[in-house]
Amino acid sequence: MTAAIAAKLDLKLWQIDFVGAYLNSLTKEDIYMKQPEGFVQPGFEDYVCKLVHMIYGTMQGTHDWYETLTNTYNKLAYTTSRADPCVRYKKDHDGYTLTDTYTNDIFGASKMDDEIKRWKDKMGKEWEIKDVGRANSFWVCGSNRISTRVRYDLHNGPIGNTSSTGLNSRKSHPKIPLSQ
């Protein structure tokens, strides 16, 4: 969705990752787990561990991290898309920023370089982030009767084509100029 809107509005694509995303949210319920191998304390083999921070791989962790991140977006005055709650946008002065946030990755699009820097600085004050830089390519997946995956280079168009049937479902793909 972000890539399509970025193409239409001539926005620049960028990416960031949250470092230890799940560890950023505290548990809201009591969650216990078996002691991990190698960390079992002698004399306490039958004990369990109570989680204080969420860990990757738990359903509750995903939910709590989403809520925690949503609070940050709200604090920064972003609007959540009604079509997809993982998509948020903000219009400032002459600028426009759009983000897709799934788990610990943000795929974003902004009109100007200073908007990208400003957004990353604000999010970096809230969370530890890793700047992945400009998005140079992405996967496009289709789902009709034949599942097709195409990797697009943002400057040169499609790179290969695979399908679940082993056949190429389309011979040519349009180039999608998103940003230079």
Protein backbone atom coordinates (compact mmCIF):
# COMPACT_ATOMS: atom_id res chain seq x y z
CA MET A 1 0.00 0.00 0.00
CA THR A 2 2.76 2.43 0.94
CA ALA A 3 4.68 1.74 -2.28
CA ALA A 4 1.58 2.35 -4.42
CA ILE A 5 0.76 5.62 -2.66
CA ALA A 6 4.43 6.66 -2.81
CA ALA A 7 4.41 6.11 -6.58
CA LYS A 8 1.22 8.16 -7.00
CA LEU A 9 2.40 11.04 -4.76
CA ASP A 10 6.08 10.91 -5.81
CA LEU A 11 7.29 10.17 -2.27
CA LYS A 12 10.74 8.90 -1.23
CA LEU A 13 10.82 5.44 0.36
CA TRP A 14 12.86 4.60 3.46
CA GLN A 15 13.08 1.87 6.13
CA ILE A 16 13.90 1.53 9.82
CA ASP A 17 13.94 -1.36 12.28
CA PHE A 18 13.17 -1.20 15.98
CA VAL A 19 15.96 -2.72 18.06
CA GLY A 20 14.52 -5.27 20.51
CA ALA A 21 10.97 -4.20 19.66
CA TYR A 22 9.19 -6.67 21.94
CA LEU A 23 11.43 -5.80 24.89
CA ASN A 24 10.08 -2.24 24.67
CA SER A 25 6.67 -3.20 25.99
CA LEU A 26 5.87 -4.35 29.50
CA THR A 27 3.54 -7.28 30.03
CA LYS A 28 -0.02 -6.39 30.95
CA GLU A 29 -0.89 -9.88 32.19
CA ASP A 30 0.99 -12.39 34.29
CA ILE A 31 2.87 -14.65 31.86
CA TYR A 32 5.06 -17.52 33.00
CA MET A 33 7.45 -19.69 31.03
CA LYS A 34 9.59 -22.74 31.60
CA GLN A 35 13.20 -21.92 32.47
CA PRO A 36 15.30 -21.83 29.28
CA GLU A 37 17.84 -24.62 28.83
CA GLY A 38 21.22 -23.56 30.16
CA PHE A 39 19.67 -21.09 32.61
CA VAL A 40 18.07 -23.51 35.04
CA GLN A 41 19.21 -22.72 38.59
CA PRO A 42 20.35 -25.76 40.60
CA GLY A 43 17.80 -26.50 43.31
CA PHE A 44 15.08 -24.59 41.40
CA GLU A 45 14.53 -27.00 38.49
CA ASP A 46 10.75 -27.07 39.04
CA TYR A 47 10.40 -23.27 39.09
CA VAL A 48 9.12 -21.13 36.22
CA CYS A 49 10.06 -17.61 35.11
CA LYS A 50 7.65 -14.67 35.19
CA LEU A 51 8.05 -12.36 32.21
CA VAL A 52 8.40 -8.65 32.92
CA HIS A 53 9.06 -7.56 29.34
CA MET A 54 7.59 -9.25 26.29
CA ILE A 55 9.65 -11.60 24.18
CA TYR A 56 9.51 -12.33 20.47
CA GLY A 57 7.29 -15.23 19.49
CA THR A 58 4.43 -14.77 21.96
CA MET A 59 1.01 -13.72 20.71
CA GLN A 60 0.60 -11.43 23.71
CA GLY A 61 3.98 -9.87 22.90
CA THR A 62 2.81 -8.94 19.41
CA HIS A 63 -0.37 -7.40 20.79
CA ASP A 64 1.38 -5.46 23.57
CA TRP A 65 4.10 -4.14 21.23
CA TYR A 66 1.41 -2.99 18.75
CA GLU A 67 -0.42 -1.13 21.54
CA THR A 68 2.80 0.41 22.84
CA LEU A 69 3.80 1.57 19.36
CA THR A 70 0.29 2.90 18.67
CA ASN A 71 0.60 5.12 21.75
CA THR A 72 3.83 6.54 20.34
CA TYR A 73 2.23 7.24 16.95
CA ASN A 74 -0.71 8.93 18.68
CA LYS A 75 1.68 11.06 20.75
CA LEU A 76 3.39 12.13 17.51
CA ALA A 77 -0.04 13.07 16.02
CA TYR A 78 -0.22 10.42 13.29
CA THR A 79 -3.56 9.29 11.88
CA THR A 80 -4.26 5.56 11.61
CA SER A 81 -5.65 4.27 8.31
CA ARG A 82 -9.16 2.82 8.48
CA ALA A 83 -8.24 0.34 5.73
CA ASP A 84 -5.18 -1.06 7.54
CA PRO A 85 -4.41 -0.24 11.19
CA CYS A 86 -0.68 -0.83 10.57
CA VAL A 87 -0.62 2.10 8.13
CA ARG A 88 -0.34 5.62 9.56
CA TYR A 89 0.15 9.03 8.01
CA LYS A 90 0.83 12.62 8.94
CA LYS A 91 0.56 15.82 6.92
CA ASP A 92 2.80 18.66 8.07
CA HIS A 93 3.01 22.04 6.33
CA ASP A 94 4.05 21.07 2.78
CA GLY A 95 5.16 17.57 3.76
CA TYR A 96 3.51 14.19 3.94
CA THR A 97 4.76 11.03 5.67
CA LEU A 98 3.19 7.58 5.38
CA THR A 99 4.32 4.47 7.28
CA ASP A 100 3.62 0.72 7.24
CA THR A 101 4.60 -0.86 10.55
CA TYR A 102 4.64 -4.62 10.79
CA THR A 103 6.23 -6.18 13.89
CA ASN A 104 9.56 -4.40 14.19
CA ASP A 105 9.97 -2.92 10.70
CA ILE A 106 8.78 0.37 9.30
CA PHE A 107 8.48 0.91 5.57
CA GLY A 108 7.92 4.63 5.11
CA ALA A 109 7.45 7.25 2.44
CA SER A 110 7.95 11.00 2.71
CA LYS A 111 7.90 13.94 0.33
CA MET A 112 11.19 15.55 1.34
CA ASP A 113 14.53 14.42 2.82
CA ASP A 114 14.18 16.75 5.82
CA GLU A 115 10.83 15.09 6.63
CA ILE A 116 12.50 11.68 6.64
CA LYS A 117 15.24 12.95 8.96
CA ARG A 118 12.75 14.70 11.25
CA TRP A 119 10.56 11.58 11.48
CA LYS A 120 13.52 9.28 12.20
CA ASP A 121 14.83 11.72 14.84
CA LYS A 122 11.46 11.82 16.61
CA MET A 123 11.04 8.05 16.56
CA GLY A 124 14.69 7.66 17.60
CA LYS A 125 14.00 9.74 20.72
CA GLU A 126 11.21 7.33 21.67
CA TRP A 127 12.86 4.01 20.74
CA GLU A 128 16.21 2.60 19.78
CA ILE A 129 16.07 2.26 16.01
CA LYS A 130 18.33 1.08 13.23
CA ASP A 131 18.24 3.22 10.11
CA VAL A 132 18.10 0.79 7.20
CA GLY A 133 18.20 3.68 4.70
CA ARG A 134 16.35 4.09 1.45
CA ALA A 135 14.19 1.24 0.25
CA ASN A 136 15.75 -0.02 -2.98
CA SER A 137 13.49 -2.99 -3.68
CA PHE A 138 10.48 -4.87 -2.31
CA TRP A 139 8.45 -8.02 -2.98
CA VAL A 140 5.05 -7.88 -4.65
CA CYS A 141 2.81 -10.88 -3.98
CA GLY A 142 -0.37 -11.64 -5.84
CA SER A 143 -3.12 -13.99 -4.84
CA ASN A 144 -5.46 -15.13 -7.53
CA ARG A 145 -5.42 -18.78 -8.52
CA ILE A 146 -1.67 -18.56 -9.10
CA SER A 147 0.43 -17.07 -6.31
CA THR A 148 3.10 -14.87 -7.89
CA ARG A 149 6.03 -13.18 -6.21
CA VAL A 150 7.94 -10.46 -8.04
CA ARG A 151 10.86 -8.53 -6.59
CA TYR A 152 10.87 -4.92 -7.81
CA ASP A 153 13.94 -2.75 -7.98
CA LEU A 154 12.63 0.78 -7.41
CA HIS A 155 14.79 2.20 -10.19
CA ASN A 156 14.92 -0.60 -12.78
CA GLY A 157 11.64 -2.50 -12.46
CA PRO A 158 11.03 -6.21 -11.79
CA ILE A 159 13.80 -8.69 -10.92
CA GLY A 160 12.64 -12.23 -11.69
CA ASN A 161 9.28 -13.87 -11.19
CA THR A 162 8.32 -17.02 -9.31
CA SER A 163 4.97 -18.67 -8.88
CA SER A 164 3.55 -21.51 -6.83
CA THR A 165 2.86 -23.45 -10.03
CA GLY A 166 6.42 -23.05 -11.28
CA LEU A 167 5.15 -21.08 -14.26
CA ASN A 168 5.53 -17.40 -14.95
CA SER A 169 2.00 -16.05 -14.83
CA ARG A 170 2.87 -12.82 -16.63
CA LYS A 171 5.48 -12.23 -19.29
CA SER A 172 6.07 -8.54 -18.61
CA HIS A 173 5.74 -6.28 -15.63
CA PRO A 174 5.37 -2.51 -15.64
CA LYS A 175 8.21 -0.48 -14.16
CA ILE A 176 7.18 1.37 -11.01
CA PRO A 177 9.18 4.59 -10.62
CA LEU A 178 8.87 5.55 -6.94
CA SER A 179 11.72 7.93 -6.23
CA GLN A 180 15.09 8.88 -7.66
